[in-house]
């Protein structure tokens, strides 16, 4: 979904398959614009503080992830993914907003 969402956008994707340890030097080297969107397949904002700390300067870090609340709504998988922001259109909108800051 993330790769589809950024089609034809000038962005860089870093994929980490584990939460810790993160490759801090790779993140610093690749995130030159200081605009970072984390797609977290766990609670949102889990890695935001760590990534922001890496730069020690003005950096915009956004996150898409599961809210830290119990989800009580019923629906299909696609309805839940839309609610959580894990759809192509919702991710693309977040990326475009971040690019245009």
N, C-alpha and C. Protein backbone atom coordinates (compact mmCIF):
# COMPACT_ATOMS: atom_id res chain seq x y z
N UNK A 1 0.82 -1.20 0.00
CA UNK A 1 0.00 0.00 0.00
C UNK A 1 0.86 1.25 0.00
N UNK A 2 1.93 1.28 0.80
CA UNK A 2 2.77 2.47 0.88
C UNK A 2 3.44 2.75 -0.46
N UNK A 3 3.95 1.73 -1.12
CA UNK A 3 4.62 1.92 -2.41
C UNK A 3 3.62 2.45 -3.44
N UNK A 4 2.41 1.93 -3.44
CA UNK A 4 1.38 2.44 -4.35
C UNK A 4 1.04 3.89 -4.04
N UNK A 5 1.03 4.24 -2.77
CA UNK A 5 0.65 5.59 -2.35
C UNK A 5 1.65 6.65 -2.80
N UNK A 6 2.90 6.28 -2.96
CA UNK A 6 3.91 7.28 -3.31
C UNK A 6 4.30 7.24 -4.78
N UNK A 7 3.54 6.50 -5.58
CA UNK A 7 3.81 6.41 -7.01
C UNK A 7 3.90 7.81 -7.62
N UNK A 8 4.96 8.07 -8.36
CA UNK A 8 5.22 9.34 -9.05
C UNK A 8 5.50 10.51 -8.10
N UNK A 9 5.83 10.25 -6.86
CA UNK A 9 6.25 11.31 -5.94
C UNK A 9 7.75 11.20 -5.71
N UNK A 10 8.39 12.34 -5.54
CA UNK A 10 9.84 12.36 -5.33
C UNK A 10 10.11 12.17 -3.83
N UNK A 11 10.07 10.92 -3.40
CA UNK A 11 10.30 10.58 -2.00
C UNK A 11 11.21 9.37 -1.91
N UNK A 12 11.79 9.18 -0.77
CA UNK A 12 12.65 8.02 -0.51
C UNK A 12 11.97 7.13 0.53
N UNK A 13 12.02 5.84 0.32
CA UNK A 13 11.41 4.89 1.25
C UNK A 13 12.51 4.08 1.92
N UNK A 14 12.46 4.04 3.24
CA UNK A 14 13.34 3.17 4.00
C UNK A 14 12.45 2.14 4.68
N UNK A 15 12.76 0.89 4.50
CA UNK A 15 11.96 -0.17 5.09
C UNK A 15 12.76 -0.87 6.17
N UNK A 16 12.23 -0.87 7.37
CA UNK A 16 12.86 -1.57 8.49
C UNK A 16 11.92 -2.68 8.92
N UNK A 17 12.41 -3.88 8.99
CA UNK A 17 11.58 -5.03 9.33
C UNK A 17 11.55 -5.31 10.81
N UNK A 18 12.26 -4.51 11.59
CA UNK A 18 12.25 -4.69 13.03
C UNK A 18 12.21 -3.33 13.71
N UNK A 19 11.69 -3.31 14.91
CA UNK A 19 11.57 -2.06 15.65
C UNK A 19 12.91 -1.61 16.21
N UNK A 20 13.68 -2.51 16.73
CA UNK A 20 14.99 -2.19 17.31
C UNK A 20 15.99 -3.25 16.93
N UNK A 21 17.21 -2.97 16.73
CA UNK A 21 17.77 -1.61 16.68
C UNK A 21 17.54 -0.99 15.31
N UNK A 22 17.31 0.30 15.30
CA UNK A 22 17.19 1.03 14.04
C UNK A 22 18.58 1.40 13.55
N UNK A 23 18.72 1.53 12.26
CA UNK A 23 19.99 1.94 11.66
C UNK A 23 20.03 3.47 11.66
N UNK A 24 20.46 4.04 12.77
CA UNK A 24 20.44 5.49 12.94
C UNK A 24 21.25 6.22 11.87
N UNK A 25 22.40 5.71 11.51
CA UNK A 25 23.23 6.39 10.51
C UNK A 25 22.56 6.38 9.14
N UNK A 26 21.87 5.31 8.80
CA UNK A 26 21.15 5.26 7.53
C UNK A 26 20.00 6.27 7.53
N UNK A 27 19.28 6.35 8.63
CA UNK A 27 18.18 7.31 8.71
C UNK A 27 18.71 8.73 8.55
N UNK A 28 19.78 9.07 9.24
CA UNK A 28 20.37 10.41 9.12
C UNK A 28 20.83 10.69 7.69
N UNK A 29 21.45 9.72 7.06
CA UNK A 29 22.00 9.91 5.71
C UNK A 29 20.90 10.08 4.66
N UNK A 30 19.81 9.36 4.81
CA UNK A 30 18.76 9.36 3.78
C UNK A 30 17.69 10.43 3.96
N UNK A 31 17.53 10.96 5.14
CA UNK A 31 16.45 11.91 5.43
C UNK A 31 16.96 13.34 5.36
N UNK A 32 17.32 13.75 4.17
CA UNK A 32 17.93 15.08 3.99
C UNK A 32 16.91 16.22 4.10
N UNK A 33 15.65 15.99 3.75
CA UNK A 33 14.66 17.06 3.75
C UNK A 33 14.16 17.40 5.15
N UNK A 34 14.42 16.54 6.10
CA UNK A 34 13.93 16.70 7.47
C UNK A 34 12.42 16.63 7.56
N UNK A 35 11.81 15.95 6.58
CA UNK A 35 10.37 15.68 6.58
C UNK A 35 10.21 14.18 6.50
N UNK A 36 9.70 13.59 7.56
CA UNK A 36 9.67 12.13 7.66
C UNK A 36 8.27 11.66 8.02
N UNK A 37 7.78 10.68 7.27
CA UNK A 37 6.51 10.04 7.59
C UNK A 37 6.80 8.59 7.93
N UNK A 38 6.47 8.20 9.15
CA UNK A 38 6.66 6.82 9.59
C UNK A 38 5.35 6.07 9.43
N UNK A 39 5.39 4.97 8.70
CA UNK A 39 4.24 4.08 8.59
C UNK A 39 4.52 2.95 9.56
N UNK A 40 3.87 2.99 10.71
CA UNK A 40 4.18 2.06 11.79
C UNK A 40 3.09 1.00 11.89
N UNK A 41 3.44 -0.27 11.68
CA UNK A 41 2.42 -1.33 11.76
C UNK A 41 2.13 -1.73 13.20
N UNK A 42 2.25 -0.76 14.09
CA UNK A 42 1.98 -0.95 15.51
C UNK A 42 1.45 0.38 16.00
N UNK A 43 1.50 0.67 17.29
CA UNK A 43 0.96 1.93 17.79
C UNK A 43 1.62 3.14 17.13
N UNK A 44 0.80 4.11 16.77
CA UNK A 44 1.33 5.32 16.16
C UNK A 44 2.21 6.08 17.15
N UNK A 45 3.17 6.76 16.61
CA UNK A 45 4.13 7.57 17.36
C UNK A 45 5.10 6.76 18.20
N UNK A 46 5.20 5.46 17.96
CA UNK A 46 6.12 4.62 18.72
C UNK A 46 7.57 5.01 18.45
N UNK A 47 7.90 5.34 17.22
CA UNK A 47 9.29 5.65 16.86
C UNK A 47 9.55 7.14 16.64
N UNK A 48 8.53 7.98 16.75
CA UNK A 48 8.68 9.40 16.44
C UNK A 48 9.75 10.07 17.29
N UNK A 49 9.71 9.87 18.59
CA UNK A 49 10.68 10.53 19.48
C UNK A 49 12.11 10.12 19.13
N UNK A 50 12.32 8.85 18.88
CA UNK A 50 13.66 8.36 18.56
C UNK A 50 14.16 8.98 17.25
N UNK A 51 13.32 8.99 16.23
CA UNK A 51 13.73 9.54 14.93
C UNK A 51 13.97 11.04 15.04
N UNK A 52 13.12 11.77 15.72
CA UNK A 52 13.31 13.21 15.91
C UNK A 52 14.59 13.48 16.68
N UNK A 53 14.90 12.66 17.66
CA UNK A 53 16.12 12.83 18.46
C UNK A 53 17.39 12.68 17.61
N UNK A 54 17.32 11.87 16.58
CA UNK A 54 18.50 11.65 15.74
C UNK A 54 19.01 12.92 15.08
N UNK A 55 18.14 13.87 14.85
CA UNK A 55 18.53 15.06 14.11
C UNK A 55 18.90 16.25 14.98
N UNK A 56 18.35 16.34 16.18
CA UNK A 56 18.67 17.43 17.11
C UNK A 56 18.48 18.81 16.50
N UNK A 57 17.63 18.91 15.53
CA UNK A 57 17.31 20.19 14.89
C UNK A 57 15.90 20.10 14.35
N UNK A 58 15.45 21.17 13.72
CA UNK A 58 14.07 21.18 13.25
C UNK A 58 13.83 20.08 12.22
N UNK A 59 12.99 19.14 12.61
CA UNK A 59 12.62 18.02 11.76
C UNK A 59 11.14 17.75 11.94
N UNK A 60 10.46 17.57 10.86
CA UNK A 60 9.02 17.26 10.92
C UNK A 60 8.87 15.75 10.82
N UNK A 61 8.34 15.13 11.86
CA UNK A 61 8.15 13.68 11.88
C UNK A 61 6.67 13.41 12.13
N UNK A 62 6.04 12.73 11.18
CA UNK A 62 4.63 12.35 11.27
C UNK A 62 4.54 10.84 11.34
N UNK A 63 3.40 10.35 11.77
CA UNK A 63 3.24 8.91 11.93
C UNK A 63 1.85 8.45 11.53
N UNK A 64 1.79 7.29 10.90
CA UNK A 64 0.53 6.59 10.65
C UNK A 64 0.68 5.25 11.36
N UNK A 65 -0.23 4.97 12.27
CA UNK A 65 -0.17 3.72 13.02
C UNK A 65 -1.47 3.50 13.77
N UNK A 66 -1.50 2.46 14.55
CA UNK A 66 -2.70 2.15 15.32
C UNK A 66 -2.84 3.12 16.49
N UNK A 67 -4.03 3.67 16.70
CA UNK A 67 -4.23 4.57 17.84
C UNK A 67 -4.14 3.78 19.15
N UNK A 68 -3.80 4.46 20.20
CA UNK A 68 -3.68 3.81 21.51
C UNK A 68 -5.02 3.79 22.23
N UNK A 69 -6.01 3.34 21.50
CA UNK A 69 -7.36 3.21 22.05
C UNK A 69 -7.94 1.88 21.58
N UNK A 70 -8.93 1.41 22.29
CA UNK A 70 -9.61 0.19 21.88
C UNK A 70 -10.56 0.55 20.74
N UNK A 71 -10.43 -0.11 19.61
CA UNK A 71 -11.27 0.18 18.46
C UNK A 71 -12.59 -0.57 18.62
N UNK A 72 -13.68 0.19 18.71
CA UNK A 72 -14.98 -0.40 19.00
C UNK A 72 -15.90 -0.46 17.79
N UNK A 73 -15.48 0.09 16.68
CA UNK A 73 -16.38 0.09 15.53
C UNK A 73 -16.30 -1.23 14.76
N UNK A 74 -17.41 -1.61 14.19
CA UNK A 74 -17.50 -2.82 13.38
C UNK A 74 -17.31 -2.44 11.93
N UNK A 75 -16.92 -3.40 11.12
CA UNK A 75 -16.81 -3.14 9.70
C UNK A 75 -15.92 -4.15 9.01
N UNK A 76 -15.77 -3.93 7.73
CA UNK A 76 -14.93 -4.80 6.93
C UNK A 76 -13.46 -4.44 7.16
N UNK A 77 -12.58 -5.27 6.66
CA UNK A 77 -11.15 -4.98 6.76
C UNK A 77 -10.83 -3.65 6.09
N UNK A 78 -11.38 -3.41 4.91
CA UNK A 78 -11.08 -2.15 4.22
C UNK A 78 -11.61 -0.95 5.00
N UNK A 79 -12.74 -1.09 5.68
CA UNK A 79 -13.26 0.01 6.51
C UNK A 79 -12.35 0.27 7.70
N UNK A 80 -11.84 -0.78 8.30
CA UNK A 80 -10.91 -0.62 9.43
C UNK A 80 -9.60 0.02 8.96
N UNK A 81 -9.07 -0.43 7.83
CA UNK A 81 -7.83 0.15 7.31
C UNK A 81 -8.02 1.63 6.99
N UNK A 82 -9.18 1.99 6.45
CA UNK A 82 -9.46 3.40 6.17
C UNK A 82 -9.53 4.19 7.47
N UNK A 83 -10.21 3.66 8.47
CA UNK A 83 -10.31 4.32 9.77
C UNK A 83 -8.92 4.57 10.37
N UNK A 84 -8.01 3.60 10.20
CA UNK A 84 -6.67 3.70 10.76
C UNK A 84 -5.72 4.52 9.90
N UNK A 85 -6.11 4.80 8.66
CA UNK A 85 -5.25 5.58 7.77
C UNK A 85 -4.31 4.73 6.94
N UNK A 86 -4.51 3.42 6.93
CA UNK A 86 -3.63 2.51 6.19
C UNK A 86 -4.17 2.21 4.79
N UNK A 87 -4.56 3.24 4.06
CA UNK A 87 -5.01 3.06 2.68
C UNK A 87 -4.11 3.88 1.77
N UNK A 88 -4.11 3.52 0.50
CA UNK A 88 -3.29 4.23 -0.48
C UNK A 88 -3.61 5.72 -0.46
N UNK A 89 -4.88 6.07 -0.51
CA UNK A 89 -5.27 7.48 -0.59
C UNK A 89 -4.92 8.25 0.67
N UNK A 90 -5.13 7.65 1.84
CA UNK A 90 -4.84 8.35 3.11
C UNK A 90 -3.34 8.55 3.30
N UNK A 91 -2.55 7.52 2.94
CA UNK A 91 -1.10 7.66 3.06
C UNK A 91 -0.59 8.69 2.06
N UNK A 92 -1.08 8.65 0.83
CA UNK A 92 -0.65 9.61 -0.17
C UNK A 92 -0.96 11.04 0.28
N UNK A 93 -2.14 11.25 0.84
CA UNK A 93 -2.52 12.58 1.32
C UNK A 93 -1.54 13.06 2.39
N UNK A 94 -1.16 12.18 3.34
CA UNK A 94 -0.20 12.55 4.39
C UNK A 94 1.15 12.90 3.77
N UNK A 95 1.59 12.12 2.80
CA UNK A 95 2.88 12.38 2.15
C UNK A 95 2.84 13.71 1.41
N UNK A 96 1.78 13.97 0.66
CA UNK A 96 1.66 15.23 -0.07
C UNK A 96 1.61 16.43 0.87
N UNK A 97 0.91 16.30 1.99
CA UNK A 97 0.87 17.38 2.98
C UNK A 97 2.26 17.64 3.54
N UNK A 98 3.00 16.59 3.80
CA UNK A 98 4.35 16.73 4.34
C UNK A 98 5.29 17.37 3.32
N UNK A 99 5.18 16.97 2.06
CA UNK A 99 6.02 17.54 1.01
C UNK A 99 5.75 19.03 0.85
N UNK A 100 4.51 19.44 0.97
CA UNK A 100 4.13 20.82 0.72
C UNK A 100 4.27 21.75 1.91
N UNK A 101 4.83 21.28 3.01
CA UNK A 101 5.03 22.17 4.17
C UNK A 101 6.11 23.18 3.90
